[in-house]
C-alpha atoms as a PDB file:
ATOM      1  CA  MET A   1       0.000   0.000   0.000  1.00  0.00           C
ATOM      2  CA  SER A   2       1.129   3.482  -0.695  1.00  0.00           C
ATOM      3  CA  ARG A   3       1.122   6.339   1.754  1.00  0.00           C
ATOM      4  CA  ASN A   4      -1.688   8.117  -0.111  1.00  0.00           C
ATOM      5  CA  SER A   5      -4.170   5.262   0.275  1.00  0.00           C
ATOM      6  CA  ASN A   6      -3.350   5.105   3.978  1.00  0.00           C
ATOM      7  CA  ALA A   7      -3.939   8.850   4.340  1.00  0.00           C
ATOM      8  CA  MET A   8      -7.250   8.578   2.509  1.00  0.00           C
ATOM      9  CA  ARG A   9      -8.360   5.830   4.834  1.00  0.00           C
ATOM     10  CA  ARG A  10      -7.544   8.005   7.834  1.00  0.00           C
ATOM     11  CA  SER A  11      -9.344  11.023   6.432  1.00  0.00           C
ATOM     12  CA  GLY A  12     -12.413   8.889   5.745  1.00  0.00           C
ATOM     13  CA  THR A  13     -12.334   7.663   9.316  1.00  0.00           C
ATOM     14  CA  ALA A  14     -12.026  11.220  10.581  1.00  0.00           C
ATOM     15  CA  LYS A  15     -15.003  12.234   8.466  1.00  0.00           C
ATOM     16  CA  ASP A  16     -16.994   9.313   9.825  1.00  0.00           C
ATOM     17  CA  ALA A  17     -16.035  10.236  13.361  1.00  0.00           C
ATOM     18  CA  GLU A  18     -17.044  13.831  12.757  1.00  0.00           C
ATOM     19  CA  TRP A  19     -20.419  12.684  11.398  1.00  0.00           C
ATOM     20  CA  ILE A  20     -20.937  10.474  14.460  1.00  0.00           C
ATOM     21  CA  TRP A  21     -20.124  13.365  16.802  1.00  0.00           C
ATOM     22  CA  ARG A  22     -22.491  15.695  14.964  1.00  0.00           C
ATOM     23  CA  ALA A  23     -25.276  13.101  15.060  1.00  0.00           C
ATOM     24  CA  ARG A  24     -24.711  12.612  18.778  1.00  0.00           C
ATOM     25  CA  ASP A  25     -24.816  16.343  19.411  1.00  0.00           C
ATOM     26  CA  ALA A  26     -28.006  16.681  17.366  1.00  0.00           C
ATOM     27  CA  TYR A  27     -29.620  13.882  19.385  1.00  0.00           C
ATOM     28  CA  ARG A  28     -28.603  15.539  22.650  1.00  0.00           C
ATOM     29  CA  MET A  29     -29.988  18.893  21.510  1.00  0.00           C
ATOM     30  CA  LYS A  30     -33.254  17.260  20.476  1.00  0.00           C
ATOM     31  CA  SER A  31     -33.629  15.481  23.808  1.00  0.00           C
ATOM     32  CA  LEU A  32     -32.734  18.690  25.654  1.00  0.00           C
ATOM     33  CA  PHE A  33     -35.377  20.553  23.654  1.00  0.00           C
ATOM     34  CA  VAL A  34     -38.005  17.896  24.445  1.00  0.00           C
ATOM     35  CA  THR A  35     -37.099  17.964  28.146  1.00  0.00           C
ATOM     36  CA  LEU A  36     -37.319  21.747  28.303  1.00  0.00           C
ATOM     37  CA  ALA A  37     -40.623  21.719  26.380  1.00  0.00           C
ATOM     38  CA  LEU A  38     -42.128  19.223  28.841  1.00  0.00           C
ATOM     39  CA  LEU A  39     -40.858  21.239  31.794  1.00  0.00           C
ATOM     40  CA  ALA A  40     -42.361  24.411  30.319  1.00  0.00           C
ATOM     41  CA  LEU A  41     -45.664  22.590  29.763  1.00  0.00           C
ATOM     42  CA  VAL A  42     -45.815  21.437  33.383  1.00  0.00           C
ATOM     43  CA  CYS A  43     -44.978  24.944  34.619  1.00  0.00           C
ATOM     44  CA  MET A  44     -47.642  26.526  32.408  1.00  0.00           C
ATOM     45  CA  LEU A  45     -50.275  24.010  33.472  1.00  0.00           C
ATOM     46  CA  THR A  46     -49.441  24.659  37.108  1.00  0.00           C
ATOM     47  CA  PHE A  47     -49.583  28.408  36.556  1.00  0.00           C
ATOM     48  CA  PHE A  48     -52.836  28.455  34.590  1.00  0.00           C
ATOM     49  CA  CYS A  49     -54.668  25.765  36.579  1.00  0.00           C
ATOM     50  CA  GLY A  50     -53.686  27.180  39.935  1.00  0.00           C
ATOM     51  CA  CYS A  51     -51.695  25.764  42.776  1.00  0.00           C
ATOM     52  CA  GLU A  52     -54.706  24.762  44.850  1.00  0.00           C
ATOM     53  CA  ALA A  53     -56.174  22.426  42.242  1.00  0.00           C
ATOM     54  CA  TYR A  54     -52.723  20.992  41.547  1.00  0.00           C
ATOM     55  CA  THR A  55     -52.024  20.400  45.247  1.00  0.00           C
ATOM     56  CA  ARG A  56     -55.380  18.731  45.800  1.00  0.00           C
ATOM     57  CA  ALA A  57     -54.858  16.469  42.791  1.00  0.00           C
ATOM     58  CA  VAL A  58     -51.292  15.434  43.648  1.00  0.00           C
ATOM     59  CA  SER A  59     -51.637  14.923  47.412  1.00  0.00           C
ATOM     60  CA  PRO A  60     -53.639  11.641  47.163  1.00  0.00           C
ATOM     61  CA  LEU A  61     -51.009  10.300  44.746  1.00  0.00           C
ATOM     62  CA  SER A  62     -48.338  10.767  47.386  1.00  0.00           C
ATOM     63  CA  GLY A  63     -50.434   8.916  49.977  1.00  0.00           C
ATOM     64  CA  TYR A  64     -51.721  11.923  51.940  1.00  0.00           C
ATOM     65  CA  LYS A  65     -55.133  11.305  53.485  1.00  0.00           C
ATOM     66  CA  GLY A  66     -57.250  14.367  54.177  1.00  0.00           C
ATOM     67  CA  ASP A  67     -57.417  17.916  52.907  1.00  0.00           C
ATOM     68  CA  PRO A  68     -53.983  19.307  52.051  1.00  0.00           C
ATOM     69  CA  LEU A  69     -55.284  22.880  52.191  1.00  0.00           C
ATOM     70  CA  PRO A  70     -57.664  23.136  55.132  1.00  0.00           C
ATOM     71  CA  GLY A  71     -59.942  26.136  55.025  1.00  0.00           C
ATOM     72  CA  PRO A  72     -63.549  27.182  55.660  1.00  0.00           C
ATOM     73  CA  CYS A  73     -64.883  24.368  53.473  1.00  0.00           C
ATOM     74  CA  ALA A  74     -65.962  20.978  54.816  1.00  0.00           C
ATOM     75  CA  PRO A  75     -64.037  17.812  53.953  1.00  0.00           C
ATOM     76  CA  ALA A  76     -67.034  16.789  51.809  1.00  0.00           C
ATOM     77  CA  SER A  77     -65.996  19.545  49.404  1.00  0.00           C
ATOM     78  CA  LEU A  78     -63.404  17.254  47.844  1.00  0.00           C
ATOM     79  CA  GLN A  79     -66.100  14.818  46.717  1.00  0.00           C
ATOM     80  CA  ALA A  80     -68.565  17.567  45.772  1.00  0.00           C
ATOM     81  CA  GLY A  81     -66.030  19.492  43.699  1.00  0.00           C
ATOM     82  CA  ALA A  82     -67.142  22.805  45.216  1.00  0.00           C
ATOM     83  CA  CYS A  83     -66.908  24.453  48.629  1.00  0.00           C
ATOM     84  CA  VAL A  84     -69.453  23.086  51.103  1.00  0.00           C
ATOM     85  CA  LYS A  85     -69.542  25.432  54.094  1.00  0.00           C
ATOM     86  CA  THR A  86     -69.609  24.022  57.599  1.00  0.00           C
ATOM     87  CA  GLY A  87     -70.994  25.490  60.774  1.00  0.00           C
ATOM     88  CA  ALA A  88     -73.846  27.911  61.381  1.00  0.00           C
ATOM     89  CA  THR A  89     -75.211  30.095  58.644  1.00  0.00           C
ATOM     90  CA  ARG A  90     -75.292  33.854  59.056  1.00  0.00           C
END
């Protein structure tokens, strides 16, 4: 083999390696973009839906029993979906 064919083989390998690195970087950028898009979606849903609804929905998933945000409403409010007042009426 001559030196030129050896050099061509090396340059082809370098080009292949460069292509592999670029493909890897493109994959990482795409997965970073998807991760950031999902994070932004969760943040927007939390912001637009409100923290109270989010907290009430997530607390049973973590095993919490009861009302995570106690207030003037009765515990039956969770099943009713609206505030059921307790105590005497004015």
